[in-house]
C-alpha atoms as a PDB file:
ATOM      1  CA  MET A   1      42.378 -61.311   6.973  1.00  0.00           C
ATOM      2  CA  ASP A   2      38.915 -61.373   5.852  1.00  0.00           C
ATOM      3  CA  MET A   3      38.481 -60.232   2.283  1.00  0.00           C
ATOM      4  CA  LYS A   4      34.599 -59.283   1.592  1.00  0.00           C
ATOM      5  CA  PRO A   5      33.928 -59.770  -1.596  1.00  0.00           C
ATOM      6  CA  PRO A   6      31.448 -56.875  -3.053  1.00  0.00           C
ATOM      7  CA  GLU A   7      27.844 -56.959  -2.817  1.00  0.00           C
ATOM      8  CA  SER A   8      27.961 -55.831  -6.110  1.00  0.00           C
ATOM      9  CA  PRO A   9      29.957 -55.312  -9.237  1.00  0.00           C
ATOM     10  CA  HIS A  10      28.622 -51.820  -9.728  1.00  0.00           C
ATOM     11  CA  LYS A  11      29.651 -51.120  -6.095  1.00  0.00           C
ATOM     12  CA  GLY A  12      33.572 -50.753  -7.481  1.00  0.00           C
ATOM     13  CA  LYS A  13      32.679 -47.886  -8.682  1.00  0.00           C
ATOM     14  CA  THR A  14      33.511 -44.682  -7.024  1.00  0.00           C
ATOM     15  CA  GLY A  15      34.576 -40.857  -7.750  1.00  0.00           C
ATOM     16  CA  ILE A  16      33.063 -38.932 -11.937  1.00  0.00           C
ATOM     17  CA  ARG A  17      32.765 -42.877 -13.205  1.00  0.00           C
ATOM     18  CA  ARG A  18      30.079 -43.573 -10.488  1.00  0.00           C
ATOM     19  CA  ILE A  19      28.149 -40.235 -11.251  1.00  0.00           C
ATOM     20  CA  TRP A  20      28.516 -40.852 -14.778  1.00  0.00           C
ATOM     21  CA  ASN A  21      27.567 -44.278 -14.722  1.00  0.00           C
ATOM     22  CA  ALA A  22      24.798 -43.711 -12.514  1.00  0.00           C
ATOM     23  CA  LEU A  23      23.333 -40.422 -14.371  1.00  0.00           C
ATOM     24  CA  PHE A  24      23.290 -43.075 -17.208  1.00  0.00           C
ATOM     25  CA  TYR A  25      21.054 -45.669 -15.621  1.00  0.00           C
ATOM     26  CA  SER A  26      18.983 -43.112 -13.855  1.00  0.00           C
ATOM     27  CA  VAL A  27      18.264 -42.383 -18.027  1.00  0.00           C
ATOM     28  CA  ASP A  28      17.942 -45.489 -18.671  1.00  0.00           C
ATOM     29  CA  GLY A  29      15.434 -46.220 -15.876  1.00  0.00           C
ATOM     30  CA  ILE A  30      12.708 -42.808 -17.357  1.00  0.00           C
ATOM     31  CA  ARG A  31      13.237 -44.332 -20.506  1.00  0.00           C
ATOM     32  CA  ALA A  32      12.148 -47.934 -19.852  1.00  0.00           C
ATOM     33  CA  ALA A  33       9.396 -46.775 -17.347  1.00  0.00           C
ATOM     34  CA  TYR A  34       8.414 -44.293 -20.341  1.00  0.00           C
ATOM     35  CA  ARG A  35       7.977 -46.712 -22.627  1.00  0.00           C
ATOM     36  CA  HIS A  36       6.489 -49.679 -20.567  1.00  0.00           C
ATOM     37  CA  GLU A  37       4.772 -47.828 -17.709  1.00  0.00           C
ATOM     38  CA  ASP A  38       1.075 -45.849 -19.055  1.00  0.00           C
ATOM     39  CA  ALA A  39       0.548 -44.256 -16.154  1.00  0.00           C
ATOM     40  CA  PHE A  40       4.439 -42.908 -16.110  1.00  0.00           C
ATOM     41  CA  ARG A  41       3.651 -41.657 -19.381  1.00  0.00           C
ATOM     42  CA  GLN A  42       0.148 -39.764 -18.292  1.00  0.00           C
ATOM     43  CA  GLU A  43       1.825 -38.691 -15.165  1.00  0.00           C
ATOM     44  CA  VAL A  44       4.404 -37.305 -17.863  1.00  0.00           C
ATOM     45  CA  LEU A  45       2.054 -35.394 -19.813  1.00  0.00           C
ATOM     46  CA  LEU A  46       0.485 -33.467 -16.692  1.00  0.00           C
ATOM     47  CA  ALA A  47       3.650 -32.939 -15.812  1.00  0.00           C
ATOM     48  CA  LEU A  48       4.366 -31.171 -18.996  1.00  0.00           C
ATOM     49  CA  VAL A  49       1.584 -28.739 -19.150  1.00  0.00           C
ATOM     50  CA  LEU A  50       1.422 -28.588 -15.336  1.00  0.00           C
ATOM     51  CA  LEU A  51       5.162 -27.430 -14.892  1.00  0.00           C
ATOM     52  CA  PRO A  52       5.380 -24.711 -17.676  1.00  0.00           C
ATOM     53  CA  VAL A  53       2.234 -23.280 -15.927  1.00  0.00           C
ATOM     54  CA  ALA A  54       3.597 -23.494 -12.520  1.00  0.00           C
ATOM     55  CA  LEU A  55       6.169 -21.026 -13.607  1.00  0.00           C
ATOM     56  CA  PHE A  56       4.265 -18.647 -14.852  1.00  0.00           C
ATOM     57  CA  MET A  57       1.719 -18.882 -12.046  1.00  0.00           C
ATOM     58  CA  PRO A  58       1.395 -14.828 -10.206  1.00  0.00           C
ATOM     59  CA  THR A  59       2.487 -16.715  -7.098  1.00  0.00           C
ATOM     60  CA  SER A  60       5.789 -16.356  -4.874  1.00  0.00           C
ATOM     61  CA  GLY A  61       9.313 -18.028  -5.796  1.00  0.00           C
ATOM     62  CA  ILE A  62       8.194 -20.467  -2.911  1.00  0.00           C
ATOM     63  CA  GLY A  63       4.620 -20.819  -4.305  1.00  0.00           C
ATOM     64  CA  LYS A  64       6.373 -21.976  -7.579  1.00  0.00           C
ATOM     65  CA  ALA A  65       8.437 -24.227  -6.096  1.00  0.00           C
ATOM     66  CA  LEU A  66       5.575 -25.982  -4.135  1.00  0.00           C
ATOM     67  CA  LEU A  67       3.545 -26.399  -7.282  1.00  0.00           C
ATOM     68  CA  MET A  68       6.214 -27.962  -9.421  1.00  0.00           C
ATOM     69  CA  GLY A  69       7.741 -29.840  -5.779  1.00  0.00           C
ATOM     70  CA  SER A  70       3.824 -31.346  -6.301  1.00  0.00           C
ATOM     71  CA  VAL A  71       4.043 -32.184  -9.475  1.00  0.00           C
ATOM     72  CA  LEU A  72       7.365 -33.907  -9.574  1.00  0.00           C
ATOM     73  CA  LEU A  73       6.859 -35.935  -6.232  1.00  0.00           C
ATOM     74  CA  VAL A  74       3.995 -37.895  -8.016  1.00  0.00           C
ATOM     75  CA  LEU A  75       6.900 -39.101 -11.188  1.00  0.00           C
ATOM     76  CA  ILE A  76       9.064 -39.975  -8.283  1.00  0.00           C
ATOM     77  CA  VAL A  77       6.594 -41.833  -6.265  1.00  0.00           C
ATOM     78  CA  GLU A  78       5.291 -43.575  -9.745  1.00  0.00           C
ATOM     79  CA  LEU A  79       8.733 -44.216 -10.620  1.00  0.00           C
ATOM     80  CA  LEU A  80       9.469 -46.163  -7.180  1.00  0.00           C
ATOM     81  CA  ASN A  81       5.521 -47.764  -7.562  1.00  0.00           C
ATOM     82  CA  SER A  82       6.763 -49.114 -10.647  1.00  0.00           C
ATOM     83  CA  ALA A  83      10.466 -50.284  -9.602  1.00  0.00           C
ATOM     84  CA  VAL A  84       8.355 -52.237  -6.989  1.00  0.00           C
ATOM     85  CA  GLU A  85       5.867 -53.641  -9.479  1.00  0.00           C
ATOM     86  CA  ALA A  86       8.922 -54.732 -11.395  1.00  0.00           C
ATOM     87  CA  THR A  87      10.568 -56.480  -8.563  1.00  0.00           C
ATOM     88  CA  VAL A  88       7.680 -58.740  -7.651  1.00  0.00           C
ATOM     89  CA  ASP A  89       6.335 -59.420 -11.311  1.00  0.00           C
ATOM     90  CA  ARG A  90      10.138 -60.870 -11.658  1.00  0.00           C
ATOM     91  CA  ILE A  91      10.106 -62.601  -8.272  1.00  0.00           C
ATOM     92  CA  SER A  92       7.036 -64.651  -9.287  1.00  0.00           C
ATOM     93  CA  LEU A  93       4.027 -64.026 -11.371  1.00  0.00           C
ATOM     94  CA  GLU A  94       2.168 -66.173  -9.564  1.00  0.00           C
ATOM     95  CA  ASN A  95      -1.232 -64.337  -6.834  1.00  0.00           C
ATOM     96  CA  HIS A  96      -0.028 -64.191  -3.685  1.00  0.00           C
ATOM     97  CA  ARG A  97      -1.265 -61.592  -0.967  1.00  0.00           C
ATOM     98  CA  LEU A  98       1.676 -60.440  -0.339  1.00  0.00           C
ATOM     99  CA  ALA A  99       2.789 -59.790  -4.118  1.00  0.00           C
ATOM    100  CA  LYS A 100      -0.632 -58.096  -3.400  1.00  0.00           C
ATOM    101  CA  ARG A 101      -0.369 -55.841  -0.872  1.00  0.00           C
ATOM    102  CA  ALA A 102       3.042 -54.350  -2.241  1.00  0.00           C
ATOM    103  CA  LYS A 103       1.090 -53.423  -5.401  1.00  0.00           C
ATOM    104  CA  ASP A 104      -1.706 -52.146  -3.416  1.00  0.00           C
ATOM    105  CA  ILE A 105       0.631 -49.984  -1.048  1.00  0.00           C
ATOM    106  CA  GLY A 106       2.738 -48.778  -4.189  1.00  0.00           C
ATOM    107  CA  SER A 107      -0.402 -48.008  -5.869  1.00  0.00           C
ATOM    108  CA  ALA A 108      -1.938 -45.353  -2.142  1.00  0.00           C
ATOM    109  CA  ALA A 109       1.267 -44.188  -2.368  1.00  0.00           C
ATOM    110  CA  VAL A 110       0.634 -42.626  -6.372  1.00  0.00           C
ATOM    111  CA  LEU A 111      -3.149 -41.688  -5.208  1.00  0.00           C
ATOM    112  CA  LEU A 112      -1.642 -39.857  -1.702  1.00  0.00           C
ATOM    113  CA  SER A 113       1.286 -38.276  -4.318  1.00  0.00           C
ATOM    114  CA  LEU A 114      -1.916 -36.794  -7.039  1.00  0.00           C
ATOM    115  CA  THR A 115      -3.844 -35.831  -3.800  1.00  0.00           C
ATOM    116  CA  ASN A 116      -0.657 -33.752  -2.298  1.00  0.00           C
ATOM    117  CA  VAL A 117      -0.819 -32.072  -5.709  1.00  0.00           C
ATOM    118  CA  VAL A 118      -4.766 -30.603  -5.901  1.00  0.00           C
ATOM    119  CA  ILE A 119      -4.146 -30.021  -2.082  1.00  0.00           C
ATOM    120  CA  VAL A 120      -0.939 -28.217  -3.055  1.00  0.00           C
ATOM    121  CA  TRP A 121      -2.623 -25.886  -6.162  1.00  0.00           C
ATOM    122  CA  VAL A 122      -5.468 -25.190  -4.330  1.00  0.00           C
ATOM    123  CA  LEU A 123      -3.738 -24.213  -1.079  1.00  0.00           C
ATOM    124  CA  VAL A 124      -1.003 -21.647  -3.278  1.00  0.00           C
ATOM    125  CA  LEU A 125      -3.121 -20.321  -5.897  1.00  0.00           C
ATOM    126  CA  PHE A 126      -6.771 -19.717  -3.674  1.00  0.00           C
ATOM    127  CA  GLY A 127      -5.455 -19.349   0.109  1.00  0.00           C
END
């Protein structure tokens, strides 16, 4: 019988233990992004303003969900972009066209998510 070792020592956890560990890994990730990423800190401040504003806007529940979802999407995309950048930098700090491409594409995703915030807010509030 062919017994392959697990891909990662962390993949063996299951059930509630896996969920509990995942929660703390996620909190660690948010803390690391906040500590090390200026853009993430700026977007968190933006979210701290816009999320409460969205709750009190005179719009439907769906409108509030769209407003809040567009803001949270920026944080999600920024976290993914920061993960790509950290991975690229971990592999090599030398200037390479593929490293630049990866970082530029991540940055473009953040820009599109910020553009999405503007479009959603304008359409929900004035459309």
